[in-house]
Amino acid sequence: MKDKIPYCRVDAVAHYSYDWAQNDHVPHSDQQIGKVYYLSARKVHLFGIQDEAVCKQINYVLDENELLGKGPNSTLSLVFNGIKQLNKVKSI
């Protein structure tokens, strides 16, 4: 297929892709007492948005207490913020 476009080579001013990644668990404090440290992992949510026209990506790492859900309001808020941040990168 000689007409195939290489990854991240879109002939456009902007082309955004975004998605929620798999959640991950991390220890949140090494100051917890005793065995509780090893039993209580924090859940973090990962979200990424990429402008494929300029090959730039922003990743958000959100703690479990910072996110109210992965519904349309949360997702679109992150997309809007990501587009604003990516447009700042373009203008520099």
PDB file of N, CA and C in Angstrom:
ATOM      1  N   MET A   1       0.844  -1.180   0.000  1.00  0.00           N
ATOM      2  CA  MET A   1       0.000   0.000   0.000  1.00  0.00           C
ATOM      3  C   MET A   1       0.885   1.237   0.000  1.00  0.00           C
ATOM      4  N   LYS A   2       1.143   1.808  -1.155  1.00  0.00           N
ATOM      5  CA  LYS A   2       2.011   2.972  -1.228  1.00  0.00           C
ATOM      6  C   LYS A   2       1.303   4.275  -0.862  1.00  0.00           C
ATOM      7  N   ASP A   3      -0.021   4.270  -0.751  1.00  0.00           N
ATOM      8  CA  ASP A   3      -0.768   5.469  -0.368  1.00  0.00           C
ATOM      9  C   ASP A   3      -0.960   5.583   1.140  1.00  0.00           C
ATOM     10  N   LYS A   4      -0.383   4.677   1.897  1.00  0.00           N
ATOM     11  CA  LYS A   4      -0.544   4.684   3.347  1.00  0.00           C
ATOM     12  C   LYS A   4       0.202   5.877   3.948  1.00  0.00           C
ATOM     13  N   ILE A   5      -0.473   6.620   4.818  1.00  0.00           N
ATOM     14  CA  ILE A   5       0.118   7.784   5.479  1.00  0.00           C
ATOM     15  C   ILE A   5       0.877   7.307   6.710  1.00  0.00           C
ATOM     16  N   PRO A   6       2.128   7.729   6.887  1.00  0.00           N
ATOM     17  CA  PRO A   6       2.888   7.339   8.084  1.00  0.00           C
ATOM     18  C   PRO A   6       2.210   7.859   9.348  1.00  0.00           C
ATOM     19  N   TYR A   7       2.456   7.171  10.448  1.00  0.00           N
ATOM     20  CA  TYR A   7       1.887   7.568  11.731  1.00  0.00           C
ATOM     21  C   TYR A   7       2.264   9.009  12.054  1.00  0.00           C
ATOM     22  N   CYS A   8       1.293   9.750  12.526  1.00  0.00           N
ATOM     23  CA  CYS A   8       1.487  11.127  12.982  1.00  0.00           C
ATOM     24  C   CYS A   8       1.925  12.048  11.845  1.00  0.00           C
ATOM     25  N   ARG A   9       1.450  11.807  10.668  1.00  0.00           N
ATOM     26  CA  ARG A   9       1.743  12.670   9.521  1.00  0.00           C
ATOM     27  C   ARG A   9       0.428  12.992   8.817  1.00  0.00           C
ATOM     28  N   VAL A  10      -0.344  13.844   9.435  1.00  0.00           N
ATOM     29  CA  VAL A  10      -1.632  14.231   8.903  1.00  0.00           C
ATOM     30  C   VAL A  10      -1.504  15.616   8.289  1.00  0.00           C
ATOM     31  N   ASP A  11      -1.950  15.784   7.065  1.00  0.00           N
ATOM     32  CA  ASP A  11      -1.891  17.084   6.409  1.00  0.00           C
ATOM     33  C   ASP A  11      -3.101  17.907   6.859  1.00  0.00           C
ATOM     34  N   ALA A  12      -2.979  18.486   8.046  1.00  0.00           N
ATOM     35  CA  ALA A  12      -4.075  19.264   8.624  1.00  0.00           C
ATOM     36  C   ALA A  12      -3.495  20.271   9.601  1.00  0.00           C
ATOM     37  N   VAL A  13      -4.285  21.262   9.943  1.00  0.00           N
ATOM     38  CA  VAL A  13      -3.870  22.238  10.937  1.00  0.00           C
ATOM     39  C   VAL A  13      -3.884  21.597  12.325  1.00  0.00           C
ATOM     40  N   ALA A  14      -4.904  20.806  12.592  1.00  0.00           N
ATOM     41  CA  ALA A  14      -5.016  20.111  13.870  1.00  0.00           C
ATOM     42  C   ALA A  14      -5.824  18.833  13.669  1.00  0.00           C
ATOM     43  N   HIS A  15      -5.404  17.781  14.354  1.00  0.00           N
ATOM     44  CA  HIS A  15      -6.122  16.510  14.338  1.00  0.00           C
ATOM     45  C   HIS A  15      -5.913  15.864  15.700  1.00  0.00           C
ATOM     46  N   TYR A  16      -6.955  15.898  16.553  1.00  0.00           N
ATOM     47  CA  TYR A  16      -6.824  15.475  17.938  1.00  0.00           C
ATOM     48  C   TYR A  16      -7.345  14.058  18.136  1.00  0.00           C
ATOM     49  N   SER A  17      -6.601  13.287  18.901  1.00  0.00           N
ATOM     50  CA  SER A  17      -7.018  11.962  19.356  1.00  0.00           C
ATOM     51  C   SER A  17      -6.889  11.952  20.872  1.00  0.00           C
ATOM     52  N   TYR A  18      -7.843  11.320  21.552  1.00  0.00           N
ATOM     53  CA  TYR A  18      -7.776  11.255  23.008  1.00  0.00           C
ATOM     54  C   TYR A  18      -8.410   9.962  23.493  1.00  0.00           C
ATOM     55  N   ASP A  19      -7.975   9.533  24.687  1.00  0.00           N
ATOM     56  CA  ASP A  19      -8.510   8.292  25.237  1.00  0.00           C
ATOM     57  C   ASP A  19      -8.107   8.165  26.702  1.00  0.00           C
ATOM     58  N   TRP A  20      -8.932   7.444  27.442  1.00  0.00           N
ATOM     59  CA  TRP A  20      -8.594   7.048  28.800  1.00  0.00           C
ATOM     60  C   TRP A  20      -7.747   5.788  28.709  1.00  0.00           C
ATOM     61  N   ALA A  21      -6.658   5.741  29.449  1.00  0.00           N
ATOM     62  CA  ALA A  21      -5.826   4.539  29.507  1.00  0.00           C
ATOM     63  C   ALA A  21      -6.261   3.706  30.714  1.00  0.00           C
ATOM     64  N   GLN A  22      -5.627   2.574  30.871  1.00  0.00           N
ATOM     65  CA  GLN A  22      -5.942   1.698  31.991  1.00  0.00           C
ATOM     66  C   GLN A  22      -5.565   2.369  33.306  1.00  0.00           C
ATOM     67  N   ASN A  23      -6.376   2.165  34.339  1.00  0.00           N
ATOM     68  CA  ASN A  23      -6.069   2.699  35.666  1.00  0.00           C
ATOM     69  C   ASN A  23      -4.859   1.967  36.229  1.00  0.00           C
ATOM     70  N   ASP A  24      -4.154   2.646  37.114  1.00  0.00           N
ATOM     71  CA  ASP A  24      -2.985   2.039  37.728  1.00  0.00           C
ATOM     72  C   ASP A  24      -3.029   2.293  39.228  1.00  0.00           C
ATOM     73  N   HIS A  25      -2.394   1.440  39.990  1.00  0.00           N
ATOM     74  CA  HIS A  25      -2.317   1.600  41.441  1.00  0.00           C
ATOM     75  C   HIS A  25      -0.891   1.919  41.828  1.00  0.00           C
ATOM     76  N   VAL A  26      -0.737   2.876  42.727  1.00  0.00           N
ATOM     77  CA  VAL A  26       0.592   3.250  43.208  1.00  0.00           C
ATOM     78  C   VAL A  26       0.546   3.446  44.719  1.00  0.00           C
ATOM     79  N   PRO A  27       1.628   3.157  45.425  1.00  0.00           N
ATOM     80  CA  PRO A  27       1.663   3.532  46.848  1.00  0.00           C
ATOM     81  C   PRO A  27       1.629   5.045  46.961  1.00  0.00           C
ATOM     82  N   HIS A  28       0.882   5.571  47.913  1.00  0.00           N
ATOM     83  CA  HIS A  28       0.743   7.022  47.972  1.00  0.00           C
ATOM     84  C   HIS A  28       1.568   7.685  49.062  1.00  0.00           C
ATOM     85  N   SER A  29       2.083   6.945  49.999  1.00  0.00           N
ATOM     86  CA  SER A  29       2.904   7.561  51.031  1.00  0.00           C
ATOM     87  C   SER A  29       3.796   6.508  51.670  1.00  0.00           C
ATOM     88  N   ASP A  30       5.062   6.820  51.782  1.00  0.00           N
ATOM     89  CA  ASP A  30       5.958   5.884  52.457  1.00  0.00           C
ATOM     90  C   ASP A  30       5.966   6.106  53.964  1.00  0.00           C
ATOM     91  N   GLN A  31       5.124   7.013  54.449  1.00  0.00           N
ATOM     92  CA  GLN A  31       5.052   7.316  55.880  1.00  0.00           C
ATOM     93  C   GLN A  31       3.931   6.556  56.589  1.00  0.00           C
ATOM     94  N   GLN A  32       3.200   5.703  55.862  1.00  0.00           N
ATOM     95  CA  GLN A  32       2.127   4.943  56.507  1.00  0.00           C
ATOM     96  C   GLN A  32       2.716   3.927  57.480  1.00  0.00           C
ATOM     97  N   ILE A  33       1.973   3.647  58.499  1.00  0.00           N
ATOM     98  CA  ILE A  33       2.466   2.800  59.576  1.00  0.00           C
ATOM     99  C   ILE A  33       2.303   1.318  59.224  1.00  0.00           C
ATOM    100  N   GLY A  34       3.362   0.555  59.399  1.00  0.00           N
ATOM    101  CA  GLY A  34       3.326  -0.900  59.321  1.00  0.00           C
ATOM    102  C   GLY A  34       2.858  -1.472  58.002  1.00  0.00           C
ATOM    103  N   LYS A  35       2.110  -2.574  58.094  1.00  0.00           N
ATOM    104  CA  LYS A  35       1.671  -3.326  56.933  1.00  0.00           C
ATOM    105  C   LYS A  35       0.617  -2.594  56.100  1.00  0.00           C
ATOM    106  N   VAL A  36      -0.023  -1.578  56.650  1.00  0.00           N
ATOM    107  CA  VAL A  36      -1.042  -0.832  55.918  1.00  0.00           C
ATOM    108  C   VAL A  36      -0.457  -0.232  54.636  1.00  0.00           C
ATOM    109  N   TYR A  37       0.826   0.141  54.673  1.00  0.00           N
ATOM    110  CA  TYR A  37       1.480   0.729  53.495  1.00  0.00           C
ATOM    111  C   TYR A  37       1.368  -0.201  52.296  1.00  0.00           C
ATOM    112  N   TYR A  38       1.542  -1.480  52.514  1.00  0.00           N
ATOM    113  CA  TYR A  38       1.545  -2.434  51.410  1.00  0.00           C
ATOM    114  C   TYR A  38       0.142  -2.865  50.989  1.00  0.00           C
ATOM    115  N   LEU A  39      -0.853  -2.552  51.761  1.00  0.00           N
ATOM    116  CA  LEU A  39      -2.219  -2.983  51.457  1.00  0.00           C
ATOM    117  C   LEU A  39      -3.089  -1.894  50.848  1.00  0.00           C
ATOM    118  N   SER A  40      -2.691  -0.639  50.955  1.00  0.00           N
ATOM    119  CA  SER A  40      -3.566   0.441  50.491  1.00  0.00           C
ATOM    120  C   SER A  40      -2.921   1.218  49.336  1.00  0.00           C
ATOM    121  N   ALA A  41      -3.084   0.701  48.158  1.00  0.00           N
ATOM    122  CA  ALA A  41      -2.551   1.386  46.980  1.00  0.00           C
ATOM    123  C   ALA A  41      -3.537   2.449  46.515  1.00  0.00           C
ATOM    124  N   ARG A  42      -3.004   3.529  45.960  1.00  0.00           N
ATOM    125  CA  ARG A  42      -3.841   4.587  45.400  1.00  0.00           C
ATOM    126  C   ARG A  42      -4.136   4.259  43.951  1.00  0.00           C
ATOM    127  N   LYS A  43      -5.322   4.580  43.519  1.00  0.00           N
ATOM    128  CA  LYS A  43      -5.677   4.395  42.120  1.00  0.00           C
ATOM    129  C   LYS A  43      -5.457   5.715  41.386  1.00  0.00           C
ATOM    130  N   VAL A  44      -4.760   5.667  40.265  1.00  0.00           N
ATOM    131  CA  VAL A  44      -4.593   6.841  39.427  1.00  0.00           C
ATOM    132  C   VAL A  44      -5.213   6.564  38.062  1.00  0.00           C
ATOM    133  N   HIS A  45      -5.796   7.597  37.484  1.00  0.00           N
ATOM    134  CA  HIS A  45      -6.426   7.508  36.171  1.00  0.00           C
ATOM    135  C   HIS A  45      -5.516   8.201  35.161  1.00  0.00           C
ATOM    136  N   LEU A  46      -5.354   7.589  34.005  1.00  0.00           N
ATOM    137  CA  LEU A  46      -4.471   8.123  32.972  1.00  0.00           C
ATOM    138  C   LEU A  46      -5.299   8.531  31.763  1.00  0.00           C
ATOM    139  N   PHE A  47      -5.067   9.756  31.276  1.00  0.00           N
ATOM    140  CA  PHE A  47      -5.781  10.284  30.120  1.00  0.00           C
ATOM    141  C   PHE A  47      -4.770  10.962  29.216  1.00  0.00           C
ATOM    142  N   GLY A  48      -4.881  10.736  27.923  1.00  0.00           N
ATOM    143  CA  GLY A  48      -3.958  11.358  26.978  1.00  0.00           C
ATOM    144  C   GLY A  48      -4.687  11.993  25.817  1.00  0.00           C
ATOM    145  N   ILE A  49      -4.137  13.098  25.330  1.00  0.00           N
ATOM    146  CA  ILE A  49      -4.650  13.758  24.136  1.00  0.00           C
ATOM    147  C   ILE A  49      -3.456  14.105  23.258  1.00  0.00           C
ATOM    148  N   GLN A  50      -3.605  13.850  21.956  1.00  0.00           N
ATOM    149  CA  GLN A  50      -2.507  14.074  21.020  1.00  0.00           C
ATOM    150  C   GLN A  50      -3.008  14.871  19.825  1.00  0.00           C
ATOM    151  N   ASP A  51      -2.174  15.822  19.387  1.00  0.00           N
ATOM    152  CA  ASP A  51      -2.418  16.531  18.132  1.00  0.00           C
ATOM    153  C   ASP A  51      -1.530  15.856  17.093  1.00  0.00           C
ATOM    154  N   GLU A  52      -2.139  15.051  16.243  1.00  0.00           N
ATOM    155  CA  GLU A  52      -1.386  14.265  15.278  1.00  0.00           C
ATOM    156  C   GLU A  52      -0.827  15.108  14.140  1.00  0.00           C
ATOM    157  N   ALA A  53      -1.307  16.331  13.980  1.00  0.00           N
ATOM    158  CA  ALA A  53      -0.782  17.204  12.928  1.00  0.00           C
ATOM    159  C   ALA A  53       0.611  17.729  13.277  1.00  0.00           C
ATOM    160  N   VAL A  54       0.916  17.846  14.563  1.00  0.00           N
ATOM    161  CA  VAL A  54       2.228  18.362  14.984  1.00  0.00           C
ATOM    162  C   VAL A  54       3.004  17.370  15.850  1.00  0.00           C
ATOM    163  N   CYS A  55       2.464  16.173  16.050  1.00  0.00           N
ATOM    164  CA  CYS A  55       3.132  15.107  16.832  1.00  0.00           C
ATOM    165  C   CYS A  55       3.434  15.531  18.265  1.00  0.00           C
ATOM    166  N   LYS A  56       2.476  16.145  18.940  1.00  0.00           N
ATOM    167  CA  LYS A  56       2.621  16.534  20.347  1.00  0.00           C
ATOM    168  C   LYS A  56       1.531  15.846  21.147  1.00  0.00           C
ATOM    169  N   GLN A  57       1.867  15.417  22.364  1.00  0.00           N
ATOM    170  CA  GLN A  57       0.909  14.732  23.217  1.00  0.00           C
ATOM    171  C   GLN A  57       1.005  15.252  24.634  1.00  0.00           C
ATOM    172  N   ILE A  58      -0.139  15.295  25.318  1.00  0.00           N
ATOM    173  CA  ILE A  58      -0.207  15.653  26.730  1.00  0.00           C
ATOM    174  C   ILE A  58      -0.859  14.491  27.453  1.00  0.00           C
ATOM    175  N   ASN A  59      -0.256  14.079  28.570  1.00  0.00           N
ATOM    176  CA  ASN A  59      -0.809  13.010  29.393  1.00  0.00           C
ATOM    177  C   ASN A  59      -1.196  13.582  30.748  1.00  0.00           C
ATOM    178  N   TYR A  60      -2.359  13.204  31.223  1.00  0.00           N
ATOM    179  CA  TYR A  60      -2.842  13.618  32.536  1.00  0.00           C
ATOM    180  C   TYR A  60      -2.827  12.404  33.457  1.00  0.00           C
ATOM    181  N   VAL A  61      -2.294  12.587  34.659  1.00  0.00           N
ATOM    182  CA  VAL A  61      -2.317  11.556  35.689  1.00  0.00           C
ATOM    183  C   VAL A  61      -3.162  12.124  36.822  1.00  0.00           C
ATOM    184  N   LEU A  62      -4.336  11.529  37.026  1.00  0.00           N
ATOM    185  CA  LEU A  62      -5.296  12.052  37.993  1.00  0.00           C
ATOM    186  C   LEU A  62      -5.433  11.091  39.164  1.00  0.00           C
ATOM    187  N   ASP A  63      -5.310  11.602  40.360  1.00  0.00           N
ATOM    188  CA  ASP A  63      -5.485  10.802  41.559  1.00  0.00           C
ATOM    189  C   ASP A  63      -6.954  10.406  41.694  1.00  0.00           C
ATOM    190  N   GLU A  64      -7.208   9.341  42.434  1.00  0.00           N
ATOM    191  CA  GLU A  64      -8.576   8.845  42.581  1.00  0.00           C
ATOM    192  C   GLU A  64      -9.510   9.871  43.221  1.00  0.00           C
ATOM    193  N   ASN A  65      -8.974  10.784  44.024  1.00  0.00           N
ATOM    194  CA  ASN A  65      -9.850  11.779  44.657  1.00  0.00           C
ATOM    195  C   ASN A  65     -10.009  13.044  43.811  1.00  0.00           C
ATOM    196  N   GLU A  66      -9.339  13.126  42.668  1.00  0.00           N
ATOM    197  CA  GLU A  66      -9.453  14.293  41.791  1.00  0.00           C
ATOM    198  C   GLU A  66     -10.470  14.095  40.676  1.00  0.00           C
ATOM    199  N   LEU A  67     -10.958  12.892  40.506  1.00  0.00           N
ATOM    200  CA  LEU A  67     -11.828  12.579  39.379  1.00  0.00           C
ATOM    201  C   LEU A  67     -13.199  12.151  39.876  1.00  0.00           C
ATOM    202  N   LEU A  68     -14.231  12.765  39.333  1.00  0.00           N
ATOM    203  CA  LEU A  68     -15.593  12.401  39.716  1.00  0.00           C
ATOM    204  C   LEU A  68     -16.149  11.277  38.865  1.00  0.00           C
ATOM    205  N   GLY A  69     -15.460  10.911  37.821  1.00  0.00           N
ATOM    206  CA  GLY A  69     -15.890   9.840  36.922  1.00  0.00           C
ATOM    207  C   GLY A  69     -15.270  10.040  35.556  1.00  0.00           C
ATOM    208  N   LYS A  70     -15.500   9.079  34.684  1.00  0.00           N
ATOM    209  CA  LYS A  70     -14.965   9.180  33.329  1.00  0.00           C
ATOM    210  C   LYS A  70     -16.078   9.512  32.339  1.00  0.00           C
ATOM    211  N   GLY A  71     -17.073  10.202  32.794  1.00  0.00           N
ATOM    212  CA  GLY A  71     -18.202  10.564  31.948  1.00  0.00           C
ATOM    213  C   GLY A  71     -17.861  11.696  30.994  1.00  0.00           C
ATOM    214  N   PRO A  72     -18.885  12.173  30.271  1.00  0.00           N
ATOM    215  CA  PRO A  72     -18.648  13.205  29.264  1.00  0.00           C
ATOM    216  C   PRO A  72     -18.147  14.527  29.842  1.00  0.00           C
ATOM    217  N   ASN A  73     -18.600  14.919  31.017  1.00  0.00           N
ATOM    218  CA  ASN A  73     -18.147  16.197  31.587  1.00  0.00           C
ATOM    219  C   ASN A  73     -16.653  16.169  31.907  1.00  0.00           C
ATOM    220  N   SER A  74     -16.196  15.117  32.559  1.00  0.00           N
ATOM    221  CA  SER A  74     -14.776  14.999  32.885  1.00  0.00           C
ATOM    222  C   SER A  74     -13.930  14.890  31.628  1.00  0.00           C
ATOM    223  N   THR A  75     -14.374  14.045  30.708  1.00  0.00           N
ATOM    224  CA  THR A  75     -13.608  13.833  29.478  1.00  0.00           C
ATOM    225  C   THR A  75     -13.502  15.115  28.664  1.00  0.00           C
ATOM    226  N   LEU A  76     -14.609  15.800  28.461  1.00  0.00           N
ATOM    227  CA  LEU A  76     -14.581  17.016  27.652  1.00  0.00           C
ATOM    228  C   LEU A  76     -13.826  18.148  28.339  1.00  0.00           C
ATOM    229  N   SER A  77     -13.828  18.183  29.658  1.00  0.00           N
ATOM    230  CA  SER A  77     -13.024  19.182  30.369  1.00  0.00           C
ATOM    231  C   SER A  77     -11.537  18.954  30.102  1.00  0.00           C
ATOM    232  N   LEU A  78     -11.112  17.691  30.137  1.00  0.00           N
ATOM    233  CA  LEU A  78      -9.710  17.385  29.858  1.00  0.00           C
ATOM    234  C   LEU A  78      -9.364  17.626  28.388  1.00  0.00           C
ATOM    235  N   VAL A  79     -10.281  17.295  27.488  1.00  0.00           N
ATOM    236  CA  VAL A  79     -10.044  17.547  26.061  1.00  0.00           C
ATOM    237  C   VAL A  79      -9.898  19.049  25.826  1.00  0.00           C
ATOM    238  N   PHE A  80     -10.777  19.850  26.399  1.00  0.00           N
ATOM    239  CA  PHE A  80     -10.727  21.302  26.229  1.00  0.00           C
ATOM    240  C   PHE A  80      -9.410  21.861  26.768  1.00  0.00           C
ATOM    241  N   ASN A  81      -9.024  21.409  27.962  1.00  0.00           N
ATOM    242  CA  ASN A  81      -7.762  21.873  28.535  1.00  0.00           C
ATOM    243  C   ASN A  81      -6.583  21.420  27.679  1.00  0.00           C
ATOM    244  N   GLY A  82      -6.627  20.194  27.177  1.00  0.00           N
ATOM    245  CA  GLY A  82      -5.556  19.684  26.330  1.00  0.00           C
ATOM    246  C   GLY A  82      -5.419  20.461  25.032  1.00  0.00           C
ATOM    247  N   ILE A  83      -6.535  20.802  24.416  1.00  0.00           N
ATOM    248  CA  ILE A  83      -6.500  21.583  23.171  1.00  0.00           C
ATOM    249  C   ILE A  83      -5.899  22.966  23.438  1.00  0.00           C
ATOM    250  N   LYS A  84      -6.277  23.584  24.554  1.00  0.00           N
ATOM    251  CA  LYS A  84      -5.687  24.891  24.896  1.00  0.00           C
ATOM    252  C   LYS A  84      -4.178  24.766  25.089  1.00  0.00           C
ATOM    253  N   GLN A  85      -3.741  23.721  25.797  1.00  0.00           N
ATOM    254  CA  GLN A  85      -2.305  23.535  26.033  1.00  0.00           C
ATOM    255  C   GLN A  85      -1.558  23.223  24.744  1.00  0.00           C
ATOM    256  N   LEU A  86      -2.126  22.387  23.883  1.00  0.00           N
ATOM    257  CA  LEU A  86      -1.471  22.040  22.623  1.00  0.00           C
ATOM    258  C   LEU A  86      -1.403  23.243  21.695  1.00  0.00           C
ATOM    259  N   ASN A  87      -2.393  24.120  21.724  1.00  0.00           N
ATOM    260  CA  ASN A  87      -2.347  25.325  20.897  1.00  0.00           C
ATOM    261  C   ASN A  87      -1.291  26.301  21.394  1.00  0.00           C
ATOM    262  N   LYS A  88      -0.996  26.307  22.696  1.00  0.00           N
ATOM    263  CA  LYS A  88       0.104  27.126  23.207  1.00  0.00           C
ATOM    264  C   LYS A  88       1.426  26.615  22.662  1.00  0.00           C
ATOM    265  N   VAL A  89       1.570  25.305  22.558  1.00  0.00           N
ATOM    266  CA  VAL A  89       2.806  24.713  22.046  1.00  0.00           C
ATOM    267  C   VAL A  89       3.005  25.082  20.598  1.00  0.00           C
ATOM    268  N   LYS A  90       1.916  25.094  19.800  1.00  0.00           N
ATOM    269  CA  LYS A  90       2.014  25.434  18.371  1.00  0.00           C
ATOM    270  C   LYS A  90       2.488  26.858  18.156  1.00  0.00           C
ATOM    271  N   SER A  91       2.035  27.779  18.981  1.00  0.00           N
ATOM    272  CA  SER A  91       2.324  29.196  18.764  1.00  0.00           C
ATOM    273  C   SER A  91       3.733  29.585  19.190  1.00  0.00           C
ATOM    274  N   ILE A  92       4.418  28.698  19.905  1.00  0.00           N
ATOM    275  CA  ILE A  92       5.780  29.024  20.381  1.00  0.00           C
ATOM    276  C   ILE A  92       6.777  28.834  19.256  1.00  0.00           C
TER     277      ILE A  92
END
